[in-house]
Amino acid sequence: MKKLLILLLGATFLTSCAHKMMRGTVAMKTDNKTAHVCLGENDVKVGDSVEFYQNHCIGGGGGPDDGGEYDCELRVLGFGTVKKILNNHYSEVETNGSFKFREGTLVQKKN
């Protein structure tokens, strides 16, 4: 289980400000509806829609140390709108408050 957690945290870290993919993470939760996200002026503009995602992993046949297999997928938590561009790396996003998110939650520009 520790190896899986390290792998997921490493993947999150590597994609946390991946500007070419227009995917980032919640850098700071300012309240239950608003967050600063790692998508900047070259990635999004005011009014753009973004999706919040959560990794969901299930496994069977023992833990990772026992050779068990795990399947992971990204599940959409909800949506938000870019309200303000803060700088090259960050913007402020507002949601409708209908879902829970936290710092580190994956965010991607909706096409």
N, C-alpha and C. Protein backbone atom coordinates (compact mmCIF):
# COMPACT_ATOMS: atom_id res chain seq x y z
N MET A 1 0.82 -1.19 0.00
CA MET A 1 0.00 0.00 0.00
C MET A 1 0.87 1.26 0.00
N LYS A 2 2.01 1.19 0.72
CA LYS A 2 2.90 2.35 0.75
C LYS A 2 3.44 2.66 -0.64
N LYS A 3 3.77 1.62 -1.38
CA LYS A 3 4.31 1.84 -2.73
C LYS A 3 3.28 2.50 -3.64
N LEU A 4 2.03 2.06 -3.53
CA LEU A 4 0.96 2.64 -4.34
C LEU A 4 0.77 4.10 -3.98
N LEU A 5 0.76 4.42 -2.70
CA LEU A 5 0.61 5.80 -2.25
C LEU A 5 1.76 6.67 -2.75
N ILE A 6 2.98 6.17 -2.66
CA ILE A 6 4.14 6.91 -3.15
C ILE A 6 4.04 7.14 -4.65
N LEU A 7 3.60 6.13 -5.39
CA LEU A 7 3.44 6.24 -6.83
C LEU A 7 2.39 7.31 -7.18
N LEU A 8 1.25 7.29 -6.49
CA LEU A 8 0.21 8.27 -6.76
C LEU A 8 0.64 9.68 -6.39
N LEU A 9 1.31 9.83 -5.25
CA LEU A 9 1.79 11.15 -4.86
C LEU A 9 2.85 11.67 -5.83
N GLY A 10 3.72 10.78 -6.29
CA GLY A 10 4.74 11.16 -7.27
C GLY A 10 4.11 11.61 -8.58
N ALA A 11 3.10 10.88 -9.03
CA ALA A 11 2.41 11.26 -10.27
C ALA A 11 1.70 12.60 -10.11
N THR A 12 1.09 12.82 -8.95
CA THR A 12 0.43 14.10 -8.69
C THR A 12 1.45 15.23 -8.69
N PHE A 13 2.59 15.00 -8.06
CA PHE A 13 3.64 16.03 -8.01
C PHE A 13 4.13 16.37 -9.41
N LEU A 14 4.35 15.35 -10.23
CA LEU A 14 4.88 15.57 -11.58
C LEU A 14 3.89 16.30 -12.48
N THR A 15 2.59 16.12 -12.22
CA THR A 15 1.59 16.77 -13.07
C THR A 15 0.99 17.99 -12.41
N SER A 16 1.46 18.37 -11.23
CA SER A 16 0.80 19.43 -10.48
C SER A 16 0.79 20.76 -11.22
N CYS A 17 1.80 21.07 -11.98
CA CYS A 17 1.80 22.30 -12.77
C CYS A 17 2.21 22.01 -14.20
N ALA A 18 1.68 20.94 -14.76
CA ALA A 18 2.03 20.54 -16.11
C ALA A 18 1.25 21.40 -17.10
N HIS A 19 1.85 22.49 -17.51
CA HIS A 19 1.14 23.47 -18.31
C HIS A 19 0.82 23.00 -19.72
N LYS A 20 1.61 22.15 -20.30
CA LYS A 20 1.35 21.70 -21.67
C LYS A 20 0.10 20.84 -21.74
N MET A 21 -0.27 20.19 -20.66
CA MET A 21 -1.44 19.33 -20.65
C MET A 21 -2.69 20.09 -20.20
N MET A 22 -2.55 21.35 -19.79
CA MET A 22 -3.63 22.14 -19.23
C MET A 22 -4.28 21.38 -18.09
N ARG A 23 -3.43 20.77 -17.27
CA ARG A 23 -3.86 20.02 -16.10
C ARG A 23 -3.00 20.47 -14.94
N GLY A 24 -3.61 20.66 -13.80
CA GLY A 24 -2.89 21.06 -12.61
C GLY A 24 -3.57 20.52 -11.37
N THR A 25 -3.29 21.13 -10.25
CA THR A 25 -3.89 20.71 -8.99
C THR A 25 -4.38 21.93 -8.23
N VAL A 26 -5.18 21.66 -7.23
CA VAL A 26 -5.58 22.72 -6.30
C VAL A 26 -4.37 23.02 -5.45
N ALA A 27 -3.88 24.24 -5.54
CA ALA A 27 -2.72 24.65 -4.75
C ALA A 27 -3.14 25.13 -3.37
N MET A 28 -4.28 25.84 -3.31
CA MET A 28 -4.77 26.37 -2.05
C MET A 28 -6.29 26.47 -2.10
N LYS A 29 -6.93 25.87 -1.13
CA LYS A 29 -8.38 25.97 -1.01
C LYS A 29 -8.67 27.21 -0.17
N THR A 30 -9.40 28.18 -0.75
CA THR A 30 -9.67 29.40 -0.02
C THR A 30 -10.98 29.34 0.76
N ASP A 31 -11.94 28.55 0.29
CA ASP A 31 -13.16 28.23 1.03
C ASP A 31 -13.78 27.00 0.37
N ASN A 32 -15.00 26.64 0.75
CA ASN A 32 -15.62 25.41 0.22
C ASN A 32 -15.98 25.49 -1.26
N LYS A 33 -15.96 26.69 -1.82
CA LYS A 33 -16.33 26.85 -3.22
C LYS A 33 -15.21 27.40 -4.10
N THR A 34 -14.13 27.90 -3.49
CA THR A 34 -13.11 28.62 -4.25
C THR A 34 -11.72 28.07 -3.97
N ALA A 35 -10.89 28.08 -5.02
CA ALA A 35 -9.52 27.58 -4.88
C ALA A 35 -8.58 28.30 -5.83
N HIS A 36 -7.33 28.34 -5.43
CA HIS A 36 -6.27 28.76 -6.35
C HIS A 36 -5.74 27.47 -6.95
N VAL A 37 -5.71 27.40 -8.27
CA VAL A 37 -5.28 26.19 -8.96
C VAL A 37 -4.05 26.48 -9.80
N CYS A 38 -3.30 25.45 -10.05
CA CYS A 38 -2.04 25.55 -10.77
C CYS A 38 -2.30 25.50 -12.28
N LEU A 39 -3.03 26.49 -12.77
CA LEU A 39 -3.26 26.73 -14.19
C LEU A 39 -3.16 28.24 -14.37
N GLY A 40 -2.18 28.68 -15.13
CA GLY A 40 -1.93 30.11 -15.24
C GLY A 40 -2.40 30.74 -16.53
N GLU A 41 -1.89 31.95 -16.78
CA GLU A 41 -2.36 32.76 -17.91
C GLU A 41 -2.12 32.13 -19.27
N ASN A 42 -1.17 31.22 -19.40
CA ASN A 42 -0.94 30.55 -20.68
C ASN A 42 -1.79 29.30 -20.84
N ASP A 43 -2.54 28.93 -19.79
CA ASP A 43 -3.32 27.70 -19.81
C ASP A 43 -4.82 27.93 -19.89
N VAL A 44 -5.30 28.95 -19.18
CA VAL A 44 -6.74 29.22 -19.12
C VAL A 44 -6.98 30.72 -19.20
N LYS A 45 -8.24 31.06 -19.42
CA LYS A 45 -8.63 32.47 -19.38
C LYS A 45 -9.90 32.59 -18.54
N VAL A 46 -10.20 33.79 -18.11
CA VAL A 46 -11.40 34.02 -17.30
C VAL A 46 -12.63 33.52 -18.06
N GLY A 47 -13.47 32.76 -17.37
CA GLY A 47 -14.67 32.19 -17.98
C GLY A 47 -14.53 30.75 -18.42
N ASP A 48 -13.28 30.25 -18.53
CA ASP A 48 -13.08 28.85 -18.92
C ASP A 48 -13.65 27.91 -17.86
N SER A 49 -14.15 26.78 -18.32
CA SER A 49 -14.63 25.74 -17.41
C SER A 49 -13.51 24.76 -17.12
N VAL A 50 -13.47 24.27 -15.88
CA VAL A 50 -12.50 23.26 -15.49
C VAL A 50 -13.23 22.13 -14.79
N GLU A 51 -12.61 20.96 -14.82
CA GLU A 51 -13.15 19.78 -14.15
C GLU A 51 -12.22 19.41 -13.00
N PHE A 52 -12.80 19.02 -11.89
CA PHE A 52 -12.06 18.52 -10.74
C PHE A 52 -12.15 17.01 -10.75
N TYR A 53 -11.00 16.34 -10.56
CA TYR A 53 -10.94 14.89 -10.61
C TYR A 53 -10.36 14.31 -9.32
N GLN A 54 -10.70 13.05 -9.08
CA GLN A 54 -10.13 12.31 -7.96
C GLN A 54 -9.70 10.94 -8.48
N ASN A 55 -8.53 10.48 -8.04
CA ASN A 55 -8.09 9.13 -8.36
C ASN A 55 -8.92 8.14 -7.55
N HIS A 56 -9.43 7.12 -8.22
CA HIS A 56 -10.16 6.06 -7.54
C HIS A 56 -9.50 4.74 -7.93
N CYS A 57 -8.93 4.07 -6.94
CA CYS A 57 -8.20 2.83 -7.20
C CYS A 57 -8.85 1.68 -6.43
N ILE A 58 -8.98 0.55 -7.10
CA ILE A 58 -9.48 -0.66 -6.45
C ILE A 58 -8.50 -1.77 -6.76
N GLY A 59 -8.43 -2.72 -5.88
CA GLY A 59 -7.50 -3.82 -6.08
C GLY A 59 -8.04 -5.11 -5.51
N GLY A 60 -7.40 -6.15 -5.92
CA GLY A 60 -7.80 -7.47 -5.43
C GLY A 60 -6.59 -8.36 -5.31
N GLY A 61 -6.73 -9.40 -4.57
CA GLY A 61 -5.67 -10.40 -4.46
C GLY A 61 -4.51 -9.97 -3.59
N GLY A 62 -4.76 -9.21 -2.56
CA GLY A 62 -3.67 -8.79 -1.68
C GLY A 62 -3.19 -7.40 -2.01
N GLY A 63 -2.27 -6.93 -1.22
CA GLY A 63 -1.72 -5.59 -1.39
C GLY A 63 -0.61 -5.56 -2.42
N PRO A 64 -0.10 -4.38 -2.73
CA PRO A 64 0.96 -4.23 -3.72
C PRO A 64 2.21 -5.04 -3.35
N ASP A 65 2.50 -5.16 -2.06
CA ASP A 65 3.66 -5.93 -1.64
C ASP A 65 3.47 -7.43 -1.88
N ASP A 66 2.20 -7.85 -2.01
CA ASP A 66 1.90 -9.27 -2.25
C ASP A 66 1.70 -9.57 -3.73
N GLY A 67 1.97 -8.59 -4.58
CA GLY A 67 1.78 -8.80 -6.02
C GLY A 67 0.36 -8.61 -6.47
N GLY A 68 -0.48 -8.01 -5.62
CA GLY A 68 -1.87 -7.77 -5.99
C GLY A 68 -1.97 -6.75 -7.12
N GLU A 69 -3.02 -6.85 -7.90
CA GLU A 69 -3.21 -5.93 -9.02
C GLU A 69 -4.22 -4.86 -8.66
N TYR A 70 -3.97 -3.66 -9.12
CA TYR A 70 -4.84 -2.53 -8.85
C TYR A 70 -5.25 -1.87 -10.16
N ASP A 71 -6.48 -1.43 -10.20
CA ASP A 71 -6.98 -0.65 -11.33
C ASP A 71 -7.32 0.73 -10.80
N CYS A 72 -6.82 1.74 -11.48
CA CYS A 72 -7.09 3.12 -11.08
C CYS A 72 -7.73 3.86 -12.24
N GLU A 73 -8.64 4.78 -11.89
CA GLU A 73 -9.26 5.63 -12.90
C GLU A 73 -9.50 7.01 -12.29
N LEU A 74 -9.58 7.99 -13.16
CA LEU A 74 -9.91 9.34 -12.72
C LEU A 74 -11.43 9.49 -12.77
N ARG A 75 -12.00 9.97 -11.67
CA ARG A 75 -13.44 10.21 -11.61
C ARG A 75 -13.69 11.71 -11.45
N VAL A 76 -14.64 12.20 -12.22
CA VAL A 76 -14.99 13.61 -12.15
C VAL A 76 -15.73 13.87 -10.84
N LEU A 77 -15.23 14.85 -10.07
CA LEU A 77 -15.90 15.27 -8.84
C LEU A 77 -16.93 16.34 -9.12
N GLY A 78 -16.57 17.28 -9.99
CA GLY A 78 -17.45 18.39 -10.29
C GLY A 78 -16.76 19.39 -11.19
N PHE A 79 -17.39 20.56 -11.34
CA PHE A 79 -16.92 21.55 -12.29
C PHE A 79 -16.75 22.91 -11.63
N GLY A 80 -15.95 23.74 -12.27
CA GLY A 80 -15.74 25.10 -11.79
C GLY A 80 -15.50 26.03 -12.96
N THR A 81 -15.41 27.32 -12.64
CA THR A 81 -15.18 28.36 -13.64
C THR A 81 -14.03 29.24 -13.19
N VAL A 82 -13.14 29.54 -14.14
CA VAL A 82 -12.02 30.44 -13.85
C VAL A 82 -12.58 31.84 -13.65
N LYS A 83 -12.35 32.41 -12.47
CA LYS A 83 -12.86 33.74 -12.13
C LYS A 83 -11.80 34.83 -12.26
N LYS A 84 -10.52 34.43 -12.07
CA LYS A 84 -9.45 35.43 -12.07
C LYS A 84 -8.13 34.76 -12.39
N ILE A 85 -7.32 35.37 -13.24
CA ILE A 85 -5.96 34.91 -13.50
C ILE A 85 -5.06 35.62 -12.49
N LEU A 86 -4.31 34.84 -11.72
CA LEU A 86 -3.46 35.43 -10.69
C LEU A 86 -2.07 35.77 -11.19
N ASN A 87 -1.48 34.88 -12.02
CA ASN A 87 -0.15 35.11 -12.60
C ASN A 87 0.13 34.03 -13.64
N ASN A 88 1.40 33.84 -13.98
CA ASN A 88 1.78 32.84 -14.99
C ASN A 88 1.41 31.42 -14.60
N HIS A 89 1.32 31.16 -13.31
CA HIS A 89 1.16 29.79 -12.84
C HIS A 89 -0.17 29.49 -12.17
N TYR A 90 -0.89 30.50 -11.71
CA TYR A 90 -2.09 30.25 -10.90
C TYR A 90 -3.29 31.06 -11.34
N SER A 91 -4.45 30.49 -11.11
CA SER A 91 -5.71 31.21 -11.32
C SER A 91 -6.66 30.86 -10.19
N GLU A 92 -7.71 31.66 -10.08
CA GLU A 92 -8.72 31.41 -9.05
C GLU A 92 -9.93 30.80 -9.73
N VAL A 93 -10.43 29.69 -9.17
CA VAL A 93 -11.56 28.96 -9.73
C VAL A 93 -12.66 28.90 -8.68
N GLU A 94 -13.90 29.08 -9.14
CA GLU A 94 -15.05 28.98 -8.25
C GLU A 94 -15.93 27.82 -8.70
N THR A 95 -16.39 27.03 -7.74
CA THR A 95 -17.31 25.93 -8.00
C THR A 95 -18.69 26.31 -7.47
N ASN A 96 -19.66 25.44 -7.69
CA ASN A 96 -20.99 25.70 -7.12
C ASN A 96 -21.10 25.15 -5.70
N GLY A 97 -20.03 24.55 -5.19
CA GLY A 97 -20.02 24.04 -3.83
C GLY A 97 -20.71 22.71 -3.64
N SER A 98 -21.06 22.03 -4.72
CA SER A 98 -21.81 20.77 -4.61
C SER A 98 -20.92 19.54 -4.41
N PHE A 99 -19.61 19.73 -4.37
CA PHE A 99 -18.71 18.60 -4.18
C PHE A 99 -17.54 19.05 -3.29
N LYS A 100 -16.87 18.06 -2.71
CA LYS A 100 -15.74 18.35 -1.84
C LYS A 100 -14.43 18.19 -2.61
N PHE A 101 -13.52 19.10 -2.39
CA PHE A 101 -12.19 19.02 -2.97
C PHE A 101 -11.21 19.48 -1.91
N ARG A 102 -9.93 19.24 -2.15
CA ARG A 102 -8.90 19.66 -1.20
C ARG A 102 -7.64 20.02 -1.96
N GLU A 103 -6.66 20.53 -1.24
CA GLU A 103 -5.38 20.82 -1.86
C GLU A 103 -4.82 19.52 -2.44
N GLY A 104 -4.34 19.59 -3.68
CA GLY A 104 -3.83 18.41 -4.37
C GLY A 104 -4.83 17.76 -5.30
N THR A 105 -6.12 18.15 -5.23
CA THR A 105 -7.11 17.60 -6.14
C THR A 105 -6.75 17.99 -7.57
N LEU A 106 -6.85 17.05 -8.48
CA LEU A 106 -6.51 17.27 -9.89
C LEU A 106 -7.54 18.16 -10.56
N VAL A 107 -7.08 19.12 -11.37
CA VAL A 107 -7.94 20.05 -12.09
C VAL A 107 -7.50 20.07 -13.55
N GLN A 108 -8.46 20.05 -14.47
CA GLN A 108 -8.12 20.08 -15.88
C GLN A 108 -9.08 20.99 -16.63
N LYS A 109 -8.54 21.73 -17.56
CA LYS A 109 -9.38 22.59 -18.40
C LYS A 109 -10.34 21.71 -19.21
N LYS A 110 -11.60 22.10 -19.19
CA LYS A 110 -12.61 21.35 -19.94
C LYS A 110 -12.62 21.83 -21.38
N ASN A 111 -12.57 20.88 -22.31
CA ASN A 111 -12.53 21.25 -23.74
C ASN A 111 -13.87 21.64 -24.27
